Amino acid sequence: MKTPSLTRREGLVGMGAATATAGLGTGAARAAAAAATFDQSNVKWNTLEGIDHVWYHVLKVDPEAKVVDLLLKFSANQKIILHRHHADYSTFIIQGELRLYDENGDLTEIRPTASFVEKPGGGAPHTEGGGDVDCIAWFSNRGTDGMIYEILGPNNETVATLGLQDFEALWKAQAPAVQPYIPG
C-alpha cells in the first residue's frame, strides 16, 4: 500500500495556523487571522444603558444552582466601566484577548484566545477591554444568588449592581437563542 503524501500547503495546514503562517508568509497571516474570527452571526447581542464598550448575551441562568452563564463582547482597544466581581467566576476567551486594568488604568493581565481562568469573587476594582480586535469571552458566574457585579463610579462608589435575578430578567427579555436542528 502506498503511503499518502501531502503537499507542502496541506502539511502546514495540518500542523496548525501558527506554523502555516510562519511557513507561508504574511498573506497567510491575514488569512489565519480571518479564520480565527468567531462567527457571531447567530448571537443576538444586547447592551446595558450607561455601560459602554461591552455587549452581552445571557446563555443560561440557573437559580437553583446559582449559576449565570453569558457571552461578553468587549470593544477592541477600549475599557469598560470600573467594577468588581462578587461571585466566583470562570472565563474562556473565544476571540481576541481580554485585557484587564487596575483602577489606575495600568494593564495587569492579558488573557489570550483559548485561555481559561477561574477566579474567586472579591478582588480589587478593575476595568476590562478587548485587545486589537473585539474580545468575545464566555463568563460563568457561580455560587451566589445575590450580587454578581458591582458597578463603580469615579470615587469607587457603588452606582449599580447586577445580581442573579437581574440576569434572569435580562435572559427572559432577550431574543431567543438560535436552536440546533436535526436534519431530515
N, C-alpha and C. Protein backbone atom coordinates (compact mmCIF):
# COMPACT_ATOMS: atom_id res chain seq x y z
N MET A 1 0.84 -1.18 0.00
CA MET A 1 0.00 0.00 0.00
C MET A 1 0.88 1.24 0.00
N LYS A 2 0.53 2.18 -0.85
CA LYS A 2 1.30 3.42 -0.99
C LYS A 2 0.93 4.38 0.14
N THR A 3 1.92 4.98 0.76
CA THR A 3 1.70 5.98 1.81
C THR A 3 1.20 7.26 1.16
N PRO A 4 0.05 7.80 1.65
CA PRO A 4 -0.44 9.05 1.06
C PRO A 4 0.55 10.18 1.30
N SER A 5 0.68 11.07 0.35
CA SER A 5 1.58 12.22 0.51
C SER A 5 0.75 13.50 0.55
N LEU A 6 1.29 14.47 1.23
CA LEU A 6 0.63 15.77 1.36
C LEU A 6 1.46 16.81 0.63
N THR A 7 0.78 17.78 0.07
CA THR A 7 1.51 18.91 -0.47
C THR A 7 2.07 19.72 0.69
N ARG A 8 2.98 20.62 0.40
CA ARG A 8 3.56 21.47 1.45
C ARG A 8 2.46 22.24 2.16
N ARG A 9 1.53 22.82 1.40
CA ARG A 9 0.45 23.62 1.99
C ARG A 9 -0.46 22.74 2.85
N GLU A 10 -0.84 21.55 2.38
CA GLU A 10 -1.71 20.66 3.17
C GLU A 10 -1.02 20.24 4.46
N GLY A 11 0.27 19.96 4.36
CA GLY A 11 1.01 19.55 5.55
C GLY A 11 1.09 20.67 6.57
N LEU A 12 1.31 21.88 6.09
CA LEU A 12 1.40 23.02 7.00
C LEU A 12 0.06 23.29 7.67
N VAL A 13 -1.03 23.21 6.89
CA VAL A 13 -2.35 23.42 7.48
C VAL A 13 -2.61 22.39 8.56
N GLY A 14 -2.18 21.17 8.33
CA GLY A 14 -2.36 20.12 9.32
C GLY A 14 -1.60 20.37 10.60
N MET A 15 -0.53 21.16 10.53
CA MET A 15 0.25 21.47 11.73
C MET A 15 -0.30 22.66 12.49
N GLY A 16 -1.28 23.34 11.93
CA GLY A 16 -1.89 24.46 12.65
C GLY A 16 -1.62 25.79 12.01
N ALA A 17 -2.49 26.73 12.30
CA ALA A 17 -2.43 28.04 11.67
C ALA A 17 -1.14 28.79 11.99
N ALA A 18 -0.65 28.69 13.21
CA ALA A 18 0.56 29.44 13.56
C ALA A 18 1.76 28.95 12.76
N THR A 19 1.89 27.64 12.64
CA THR A 19 3.00 27.08 11.87
C THR A 19 2.84 27.42 10.39
N ALA A 20 1.61 27.32 9.90
CA ALA A 20 1.35 27.64 8.50
C ALA A 20 1.68 29.09 8.21
N THR A 21 1.35 29.97 9.12
CA THR A 21 1.64 31.39 8.94
C THR A 21 3.14 31.60 8.82
N ALA A 22 3.91 30.97 9.68
CA ALA A 22 5.35 31.12 9.62
C ALA A 22 5.90 30.57 8.30
N GLY A 23 5.34 29.47 7.83
CA GLY A 23 5.83 28.83 6.62
C GLY A 23 5.40 29.50 5.34
N LEU A 24 4.25 30.16 5.35
CA LEU A 24 3.70 30.70 4.11
C LEU A 24 3.79 32.22 4.00
N GLY A 25 4.09 32.91 5.06
CA GLY A 25 4.29 34.35 4.96
C GLY A 25 3.09 35.17 5.39
N THR A 26 3.18 36.49 5.17
CA THR A 26 2.21 37.44 5.71
C THR A 26 0.81 37.31 5.11
N GLY A 27 0.70 36.92 3.84
CA GLY A 27 -0.63 36.71 3.26
C GLY A 27 -1.37 35.63 4.03
N ALA A 28 -0.65 34.60 4.42
CA ALA A 28 -1.25 33.53 5.21
C ALA A 28 -1.59 34.03 6.61
N ALA A 29 -0.82 34.98 7.12
CA ALA A 29 -1.10 35.54 8.45
C ALA A 29 -2.46 36.21 8.46
N ARG A 30 -2.74 36.98 7.41
CA ARG A 30 -4.06 37.64 7.33
C ARG A 30 -5.17 36.61 7.21
N ALA A 31 -4.94 35.58 6.41
CA ALA A 31 -5.95 34.52 6.24
C ALA A 31 -6.17 33.78 7.54
N ALA A 32 -5.10 33.50 8.28
CA ALA A 32 -5.23 32.80 9.55
C ALA A 32 -5.99 33.65 10.56
N ALA A 33 -5.72 34.97 10.57
CA ALA A 33 -6.44 35.86 11.48
C ALA A 33 -7.92 35.89 11.15
N ALA A 34 -8.26 35.94 9.86
CA ALA A 34 -9.66 35.94 9.47
C ALA A 34 -10.33 34.63 9.84
N ALA A 35 -9.61 33.53 9.68
CA ALA A 35 -10.18 32.22 10.02
C ALA A 35 -10.39 32.08 11.53
N ALA A 36 -9.63 32.83 12.32
CA ALA A 36 -9.73 32.73 13.78
C ALA A 36 -10.85 33.60 14.34
N THR A 37 -11.55 34.37 13.50
CA THR A 37 -12.64 35.21 13.96
C THR A 37 -13.87 34.36 14.23
N PHE A 38 -14.42 34.50 15.40
CA PHE A 38 -15.60 33.75 15.81
C PHE A 38 -16.82 34.22 15.01
N ASP A 39 -17.53 33.29 14.39
CA ASP A 39 -18.74 33.62 13.64
C ASP A 39 -19.85 33.92 14.65
N GLN A 40 -20.16 35.20 14.80
CA GLN A 40 -21.16 35.63 15.78
C GLN A 40 -22.48 35.99 15.12
N SER A 41 -22.68 35.56 13.88
CA SER A 41 -23.88 35.94 13.14
C SER A 41 -25.16 35.43 13.80
N ASN A 42 -25.08 34.38 14.61
CA ASN A 42 -26.26 33.86 15.28
C ASN A 42 -26.40 34.33 16.73
N VAL A 43 -25.50 35.20 17.16
CA VAL A 43 -25.56 35.72 18.53
C VAL A 43 -26.35 37.02 18.51
N LYS A 44 -27.33 37.14 19.36
CA LYS A 44 -28.13 38.37 19.49
C LYS A 44 -27.52 39.19 20.63
N TRP A 45 -26.69 40.16 20.29
CA TRP A 45 -26.00 40.97 21.30
C TRP A 45 -26.94 42.02 21.89
N ASN A 46 -26.77 42.28 23.17
CA ASN A 46 -27.57 43.25 23.92
C ASN A 46 -26.63 44.23 24.62
N THR A 47 -27.17 45.37 25.01
CA THR A 47 -26.38 46.36 25.74
C THR A 47 -27.12 46.77 27.01
N LEU A 48 -26.38 47.34 27.92
CA LEU A 48 -26.95 47.93 29.14
C LEU A 48 -26.67 49.42 29.08
N GLU A 49 -27.70 50.21 29.26
CA GLU A 49 -27.56 51.66 29.22
C GLU A 49 -26.54 52.13 30.25
N GLY A 50 -25.64 53.00 29.81
CA GLY A 50 -24.63 53.55 30.71
C GLY A 50 -23.36 52.72 30.81
N ILE A 51 -23.34 51.55 30.18
CA ILE A 51 -22.13 50.71 30.21
C ILE A 51 -21.67 50.56 28.76
N ASP A 52 -20.66 51.33 28.41
CA ASP A 52 -20.16 51.37 27.04
C ASP A 52 -19.09 50.31 26.80
N HIS A 53 -18.90 49.98 25.53
CA HIS A 53 -17.81 49.13 25.05
C HIS A 53 -17.96 47.66 25.41
N VAL A 54 -19.16 47.23 25.79
CA VAL A 54 -19.40 45.81 26.08
C VAL A 54 -20.82 45.45 25.68
N TRP A 55 -20.96 44.26 25.12
CA TRP A 55 -22.26 43.70 24.77
C TRP A 55 -22.38 42.37 25.48
N TYR A 56 -23.61 41.93 25.73
CA TYR A 56 -23.81 40.66 26.42
C TYR A 56 -24.85 39.82 25.69
N HIS A 57 -24.78 38.52 25.93
CA HIS A 57 -25.83 37.58 25.55
C HIS A 57 -25.87 36.54 26.66
N VAL A 58 -26.98 36.53 27.41
CA VAL A 58 -27.12 35.58 28.51
C VAL A 58 -27.42 34.21 27.91
N LEU A 59 -26.60 33.23 28.25
CA LEU A 59 -26.78 31.87 27.75
C LEU A 59 -27.74 31.07 28.62
N LYS A 60 -27.59 31.19 29.95
CA LYS A 60 -28.41 30.40 30.86
C LYS A 60 -28.31 31.00 32.25
N VAL A 61 -29.44 30.99 32.95
CA VAL A 61 -29.47 31.35 34.36
C VAL A 61 -30.12 30.18 35.09
N ASP A 62 -29.44 29.66 36.10
CA ASP A 62 -29.96 28.55 36.90
C ASP A 62 -30.00 29.00 38.36
N PRO A 63 -31.17 29.49 38.81
CA PRO A 63 -31.25 30.00 40.19
C PRO A 63 -30.98 28.93 41.24
N GLU A 64 -31.40 27.69 40.99
CA GLU A 64 -31.16 26.62 41.98
C GLU A 64 -29.67 26.33 42.15
N ALA A 65 -28.95 26.28 41.04
CA ALA A 65 -27.51 26.02 41.09
C ALA A 65 -26.71 27.30 41.34
N LYS A 66 -27.38 28.45 41.28
CA LYS A 66 -26.73 29.75 41.46
C LYS A 66 -25.64 29.97 40.40
N VAL A 67 -26.04 29.82 39.13
CA VAL A 67 -25.11 29.94 38.01
C VAL A 67 -25.69 30.90 36.96
N VAL A 68 -24.85 31.81 36.48
CA VAL A 68 -25.19 32.68 35.35
C VAL A 68 -24.07 32.51 34.32
N ASP A 69 -24.44 32.00 33.14
CA ASP A 69 -23.50 31.85 32.03
C ASP A 69 -23.84 32.88 30.97
N LEU A 70 -22.84 33.61 30.50
CA LEU A 70 -23.10 34.61 29.47
C LEU A 70 -21.89 34.80 28.58
N LEU A 71 -22.15 35.31 27.39
CA LEU A 71 -21.10 35.75 26.49
C LEU A 71 -20.98 37.25 26.66
N LEU A 72 -19.75 37.74 26.68
CA LEU A 72 -19.49 39.17 26.70
C LEU A 72 -18.57 39.49 25.52
N LYS A 73 -18.88 40.60 24.85
CA LYS A 73 -18.03 41.08 23.76
C LYS A 73 -17.52 42.46 24.17
N PHE A 74 -16.20 42.58 24.21
CA PHE A 74 -15.54 43.82 24.62
C PHE A 74 -14.96 44.50 23.38
N SER A 75 -15.20 45.79 23.24
CA SER A 75 -14.67 46.56 22.11
C SER A 75 -13.15 46.51 22.08
N ALA A 76 -12.62 46.47 20.87
CA ALA A 76 -11.17 46.50 20.69
C ALA A 76 -10.61 47.82 21.21
N ASN A 77 -9.52 47.71 21.95
CA ASN A 77 -8.76 48.87 22.43
C ASN A 77 -9.61 49.88 23.20
N GLN A 78 -10.59 49.38 23.94
CA GLN A 78 -11.42 50.22 24.81
C GLN A 78 -11.50 49.57 26.19
N LYS A 79 -11.96 50.33 27.15
CA LYS A 79 -12.14 49.81 28.52
C LYS A 79 -13.59 50.01 28.93
N ILE A 80 -14.12 49.04 29.66
CA ILE A 80 -15.46 49.20 30.21
C ILE A 80 -15.35 49.91 31.55
N ILE A 81 -16.50 50.13 32.14
CA ILE A 81 -16.59 50.86 33.41
C ILE A 81 -15.91 50.07 34.55
N LEU A 82 -15.44 50.81 35.53
CA LEU A 82 -14.83 50.22 36.72
C LEU A 82 -15.86 49.34 37.44
N HIS A 83 -15.44 48.16 37.84
CA HIS A 83 -16.38 47.24 38.51
C HIS A 83 -15.61 46.25 39.38
N ARG A 84 -16.39 45.46 40.11
CA ARG A 84 -15.84 44.41 40.96
C ARG A 84 -16.72 43.17 40.81
N HIS A 85 -16.08 42.00 40.80
CA HIS A 85 -16.80 40.73 40.74
C HIS A 85 -17.10 40.25 42.16
N HIS A 86 -18.36 39.88 42.42
CA HIS A 86 -18.72 39.38 43.74
C HIS A 86 -18.99 37.88 43.75
N ALA A 87 -19.05 37.25 42.60
CA ALA A 87 -19.25 35.81 42.51
C ALA A 87 -17.98 35.16 42.00
N ASP A 88 -17.76 33.91 42.39
CA ASP A 88 -16.69 33.14 41.77
C ASP A 88 -17.01 33.05 40.28
N TYR A 89 -15.98 33.07 39.44
CA TYR A 89 -16.25 33.03 38.00
C TYR A 89 -15.14 32.33 37.25
N SER A 90 -15.51 31.88 36.04
CA SER A 90 -14.57 31.32 35.08
C SER A 90 -14.73 32.10 33.79
N THR A 91 -13.63 32.22 33.05
CA THR A 91 -13.70 32.81 31.72
C THR A 91 -13.00 31.89 30.73
N PHE A 92 -13.53 31.86 29.52
CA PHE A 92 -12.87 31.20 28.40
C PHE A 92 -12.91 32.20 27.26
N ILE A 93 -11.74 32.53 26.71
CA ILE A 93 -11.66 33.55 25.66
C ILE A 93 -11.84 32.86 24.31
N ILE A 94 -12.88 33.28 23.60
CA ILE A 94 -13.26 32.68 22.33
C ILE A 94 -12.59 33.40 21.16
N GLN A 95 -12.45 34.71 21.27
CA GLN A 95 -11.86 35.51 20.19
C GLN A 95 -11.08 36.65 20.79
N GLY A 96 -9.95 36.97 20.19
CA GLY A 96 -9.15 38.11 20.64
C GLY A 96 -8.48 37.84 21.96
N GLU A 97 -8.24 38.91 22.67
CA GLU A 97 -7.67 38.80 24.01
C GLU A 97 -8.40 39.74 24.94
N LEU A 98 -8.55 39.33 26.18
CA LEU A 98 -9.16 40.16 27.20
C LEU A 98 -8.04 40.81 28.00
N ARG A 99 -8.07 42.13 28.05
CA ARG A 99 -7.07 42.88 28.80
C ARG A 99 -7.71 43.41 30.08
N LEU A 100 -7.04 43.23 31.20
CA LEU A 100 -7.51 43.71 32.49
C LEU A 100 -6.60 44.83 32.98
N TYR A 101 -7.23 45.84 33.59
CA TYR A 101 -6.53 47.03 34.06
C TYR A 101 -6.92 47.30 35.51
N ASP A 102 -5.97 47.75 36.31
CA ASP A 102 -6.32 48.12 37.69
C ASP A 102 -7.08 49.45 37.67
N GLU A 103 -7.50 49.90 38.85
CA GLU A 103 -8.33 51.10 38.90
C GLU A 103 -7.58 52.36 38.47
N ASN A 104 -6.26 52.31 38.38
CA ASN A 104 -5.48 53.43 37.88
C ASN A 104 -5.29 53.39 36.37
N GLY A 105 -5.78 52.32 35.74
CA GLY A 105 -5.66 52.18 34.29
C GLY A 105 -4.43 51.43 33.83
N ASP A 106 -3.65 50.88 34.77
CA ASP A 106 -2.45 50.12 34.39
C ASP A 106 -2.82 48.70 34.00
N LEU A 107 -2.28 48.23 32.88
CA LEU A 107 -2.52 46.88 32.40
C LEU A 107 -1.95 45.87 33.38
N THR A 108 -2.79 44.92 33.84
CA THR A 108 -2.35 43.94 34.83
C THR A 108 -2.36 42.51 34.31
N GLU A 109 -3.13 42.24 33.28
CA GLU A 109 -3.23 40.85 32.79
C GLU A 109 -3.76 40.85 31.37
N ILE A 110 -3.28 39.91 30.57
CA ILE A 110 -3.79 39.68 29.22
C ILE A 110 -4.18 38.21 29.12
N ARG A 111 -5.43 37.97 28.77
CA ARG A 111 -5.92 36.60 28.58
C ARG A 111 -6.11 36.36 27.08
N PRO A 112 -5.23 35.56 26.46
CA PRO A 112 -5.32 35.34 25.02
C PRO A 112 -6.42 34.36 24.64
N THR A 113 -6.70 34.30 23.36
CA THR A 113 -7.68 33.35 22.83
C THR A 113 -7.38 31.96 23.36
N ALA A 114 -8.43 31.27 23.77
CA ALA A 114 -8.40 29.89 24.26
C ALA A 114 -7.89 29.77 25.70
N SER A 115 -7.64 30.89 26.38
CA SER A 115 -7.23 30.79 27.78
C SER A 115 -8.46 30.59 28.66
N PHE A 116 -8.27 29.80 29.70
CA PHE A 116 -9.33 29.51 30.67
C PHE A 116 -8.82 29.93 32.03
N VAL A 117 -9.61 30.72 32.74
CA VAL A 117 -9.21 31.23 34.05
C VAL A 117 -10.37 31.06 35.02
N GLU A 118 -10.05 30.66 36.24
CA GLU A 118 -11.02 30.60 37.34
C GLU A 118 -10.55 31.56 38.42
N LYS A 119 -11.48 32.36 38.95
CA LYS A 119 -11.14 33.33 39.99
C LYS A 119 -12.22 33.33 41.06
N PRO A 120 -11.84 33.59 42.29
CA PRO A 120 -12.85 33.74 43.35
C PRO A 120 -13.48 35.12 43.30
N GLY A 121 -14.68 35.23 43.85
CA GLY A 121 -15.32 36.53 43.96
C GLY A 121 -14.49 37.45 44.84
N GLY A 122 -14.76 38.74 44.75
CA GLY A 122 -13.98 39.71 45.52
C GLY A 122 -12.89 40.27 44.65
N GLY A 123 -11.85 40.71 45.26
CA GLY A 123 -10.74 41.27 44.49
C GLY A 123 -10.90 42.76 44.31
N ALA A 124 -9.87 43.34 43.78
CA ALA A 124 -9.81 44.79 43.61
C ALA A 124 -10.69 45.24 42.44
N PRO A 125 -11.17 46.47 42.50
CA PRO A 125 -11.89 47.03 41.35
C PRO A 125 -10.97 47.07 40.13
N HIS A 126 -11.55 46.90 38.97
CA HIS A 126 -10.76 46.89 37.74
C HIS A 126 -11.65 47.22 36.55
N THR A 127 -11.01 47.42 35.41
CA THR A 127 -11.71 47.55 34.14
C THR A 127 -11.18 46.45 33.23
N GLU A 128 -11.89 46.23 32.14
CA GLU A 128 -11.50 45.21 31.18
C GLU A 128 -11.78 45.75 29.79
N GLY A 129 -11.18 45.15 28.80
CA GLY A 129 -11.45 45.52 27.43
C GLY A 129 -10.78 44.59 26.45
N GLY A 130 -11.11 44.78 25.18
CA GLY A 130 -10.52 43.96 24.13
C GLY A 130 -9.12 44.42 23.78
N GLY A 131 -8.39 43.53 23.12
CA GLY A 131 -7.08 43.87 22.59
C GLY A 131 -7.24 44.59 21.26
N ASP A 132 -6.48 44.17 20.27
CA ASP A 132 -6.52 44.84 18.97
C ASP A 132 -7.74 44.46 18.14
N VAL A 133 -8.46 43.43 18.54
CA VAL A 133 -9.75 43.06 17.93
C VAL A 133 -10.75 42.91 19.07
N ASP A 134 -12.03 42.97 18.74
CA ASP A 134 -13.05 42.76 19.76
C ASP A 134 -12.80 41.42 20.44
N CYS A 135 -12.92 41.40 21.74
CA CYS A 135 -12.76 40.17 22.51
C CYS A 135 -14.14 39.57 22.77
N ILE A 136 -14.28 38.29 22.53
CA ILE A 136 -15.51 37.58 22.89
C ILE A 136 -15.12 36.52 23.92
N ALA A 137 -15.81 36.56 25.06
CA ALA A 137 -15.47 35.67 26.17
C ALA A 137 -16.74 35.06 26.76
N TRP A 138 -16.62 33.82 27.19
CA TRP A 138 -17.67 33.14 27.95
C TRP A 138 -17.34 33.36 29.42
N PHE A 139 -18.32 33.86 30.17
CA PHE A 139 -18.19 34.04 31.62
C PHE A 139 -19.19 33.13 32.31
N SER A 140 -18.75 32.39 33.29
CA SER A 140 -19.63 31.58 34.12
C SER A 140 -19.49 32.07 35.55
N ASN A 141 -20.55 32.67 36.08
CA ASN A 141 -20.58 33.21 37.44
C ASN A 141 -21.30 32.21 38.32
N ARG A 142 -20.71 31.87 39.48
CA ARG A 142 -21.24 30.77 40.29
C ARG A 142 -21.24 31.09 41.78
N GLY A 143 -22.20 30.49 42.45
CA GLY A 143 -22.16 30.43 43.90
C GLY A 143 -22.86 31.54 44.65
N THR A 144 -23.61 32.41 43.96
CA THR A 144 -24.34 33.43 44.70
C THR A 144 -25.69 33.67 44.04
N ASP A 145 -26.69 33.88 44.87
CA ASP A 145 -27.98 34.31 44.33
C ASP A 145 -28.16 35.81 44.60
N GLY A 146 -27.08 36.45 45.06
CA GLY A 146 -27.09 37.89 45.31
C GLY A 146 -26.32 38.63 44.23
N MET A 147 -25.54 39.61 44.64
CA MET A 147 -24.80 40.47 43.73
C MET A 147 -23.71 39.67 43.01
N ILE A 148 -23.62 39.90 41.68
CA ILE A 148 -22.57 39.29 40.87
C ILE A 148 -21.55 40.34 40.48
N TYR A 149 -22.02 41.48 39.96
CA TYR A 149 -21.15 42.58 39.58
C TYR A 149 -21.56 43.84 40.31
N GLU A 150 -20.57 44.58 40.78
CA GLU A 150 -20.80 45.90 41.39
C GLU A 150 -20.16 46.92 40.46
N ILE A 151 -20.98 47.81 39.92
CA ILE A 151 -20.50 48.86 39.01
C ILE A 151 -20.12 50.06 39.86
N LEU A 152 -18.91 50.59 39.62
CA LEU A 152 -18.36 51.64 40.48
C LEU A 152 -18.20 52.96 39.74
N GLY A 153 -18.34 54.04 40.49
CA GLY A 153 -18.15 55.38 39.96
C GLY A 153 -16.69 55.80 40.11
N PRO A 154 -16.40 57.07 39.79
CA PRO A 154 -15.01 57.56 39.80
C PRO A 154 -14.36 57.56 41.18
N ASN A 155 -15.16 57.56 42.23
CA ASN A 155 -14.62 57.54 43.60
C ASN A 155 -14.84 56.19 44.26
N ASN A 156 -14.96 55.14 43.44
CA ASN A 156 -15.21 53.77 43.91
C ASN A 156 -16.56 53.61 44.61
N GLU A 157 -17.46 54.57 44.40
CA GLU A 157 -18.79 54.44 44.99
C GLU A 157 -19.63 53.51 44.11
N THR A 158 -20.53 52.77 44.74
CA THR A 158 -21.41 51.86 44.01
C THR A 158 -22.45 52.67 43.26
N VAL A 159 -22.51 52.50 41.94
CA VAL A 159 -23.51 53.20 41.14
C VAL A 159 -24.59 52.24 40.65
N ALA A 160 -24.29 50.94 40.62
CA ALA A 160 -25.28 49.94 40.21
C ALA A 160 -24.76 48.56 40.61
N THR A 161 -25.67 47.63 40.69
CA THR A 161 -25.31 46.24 40.92
C THR A 161 -26.09 45.36 39.94
N LEU A 162 -25.53 44.23 39.62
CA LEU A 162 -26.19 43.23 38.79
C LEU A 162 -26.10 41.91 39.54
N GLY A 163 -27.26 41.33 39.80
CA GLY A 163 -27.30 40.07 40.52
C GLY A 163 -27.97 38.97 39.70
N LEU A 164 -28.11 37.82 40.31
CA LEU A 164 -28.70 36.67 39.63
C LEU A 164 -30.10 37.00 39.11
N GLN A 165 -30.92 37.65 39.90
CA GLN A 165 -32.28 37.98 39.47
C GLN A 165 -32.27 38.97 38.30
N ASP A 166 -31.32 39.90 38.30
CA ASP A 166 -31.19 40.84 37.18
C ASP A 166 -30.85 40.10 35.89
N PHE A 167 -29.90 39.17 35.98
CA PHE A 167 -29.53 38.40 34.79
C PHE A 167 -30.66 37.48 34.33
N GLU A 168 -31.42 36.98 35.27
CA GLU A 168 -32.57 36.15 34.89
C GLU A 168 -33.58 37.00 34.10
N ALA A 169 -33.83 38.22 34.55
CA ALA A 169 -34.75 39.11 33.84
C ALA A 169 -34.20 39.47 32.45
N LEU A 170 -32.90 39.74 32.36
CA LEU A 170 -32.29 40.05 31.07
C LEU A 170 -32.38 38.85 30.13
N TRP A 171 -32.17 37.67 30.67
CA TRP A 171 -32.23 36.43 29.88
C TRP A 171 -33.63 36.24 29.31
N LYS A 172 -34.64 36.44 30.13
CA LYS A 172 -36.02 36.26 29.68
C LYS A 172 -36.44 37.34 28.69
N ALA A 173 -35.84 38.53 28.78
CA ALA A 173 -36.22 39.64 27.91
C ALA A 173 -35.51 39.63 26.56
N GLN A 174 -34.40 38.94 26.47
CA GLN A 174 -33.65 38.96 25.21
C GLN A 174 -34.29 38.05 24.17
N ALA A 175 -33.90 38.26 22.92
CA ALA A 175 -34.40 37.41 21.83
C ALA A 175 -33.96 35.98 22.10
N PRO A 176 -34.82 35.01 21.75
CA PRO A 176 -34.45 33.61 22.00
C PRO A 176 -33.17 33.23 21.26
N ALA A 177 -32.41 32.36 21.88
CA ALA A 177 -31.16 31.89 21.28
C ALA A 177 -31.46 31.01 20.07
N VAL A 178 -30.52 30.99 19.14
CA VAL A 178 -30.64 30.09 18.00
C VAL A 178 -30.59 28.66 18.52
N GLN A 179 -31.48 27.83 18.03
CA GLN A 179 -31.56 26.45 18.49
C GLN A 179 -30.99 25.50 17.44
N PRO A 180 -30.44 24.38 17.89
CA PRO A 180 -29.95 23.40 16.93
C PRO A 180 -31.12 22.77 16.17
N TYR A 181 -30.83 22.20 15.04
CA TYR A 181 -31.86 21.49 14.28
C TYR A 181 -31.34 20.12 13.91
N ILE A 182 -32.26 19.22 13.68
CA ILE A 182 -31.92 17.85 13.30
C ILE A 182 -32.27 17.68 11.82
N PRO A 183 -31.27 17.46 10.98
CA PRO A 183 -31.52 17.31 9.56
C PRO A 183 -32.44 16.11 9.28
N GLY A 184 -33.20 16.26 8.19
CA GLY A 184 -34.03 15.15 7.74
C GLY A 184 -35.33 15.18 8.31
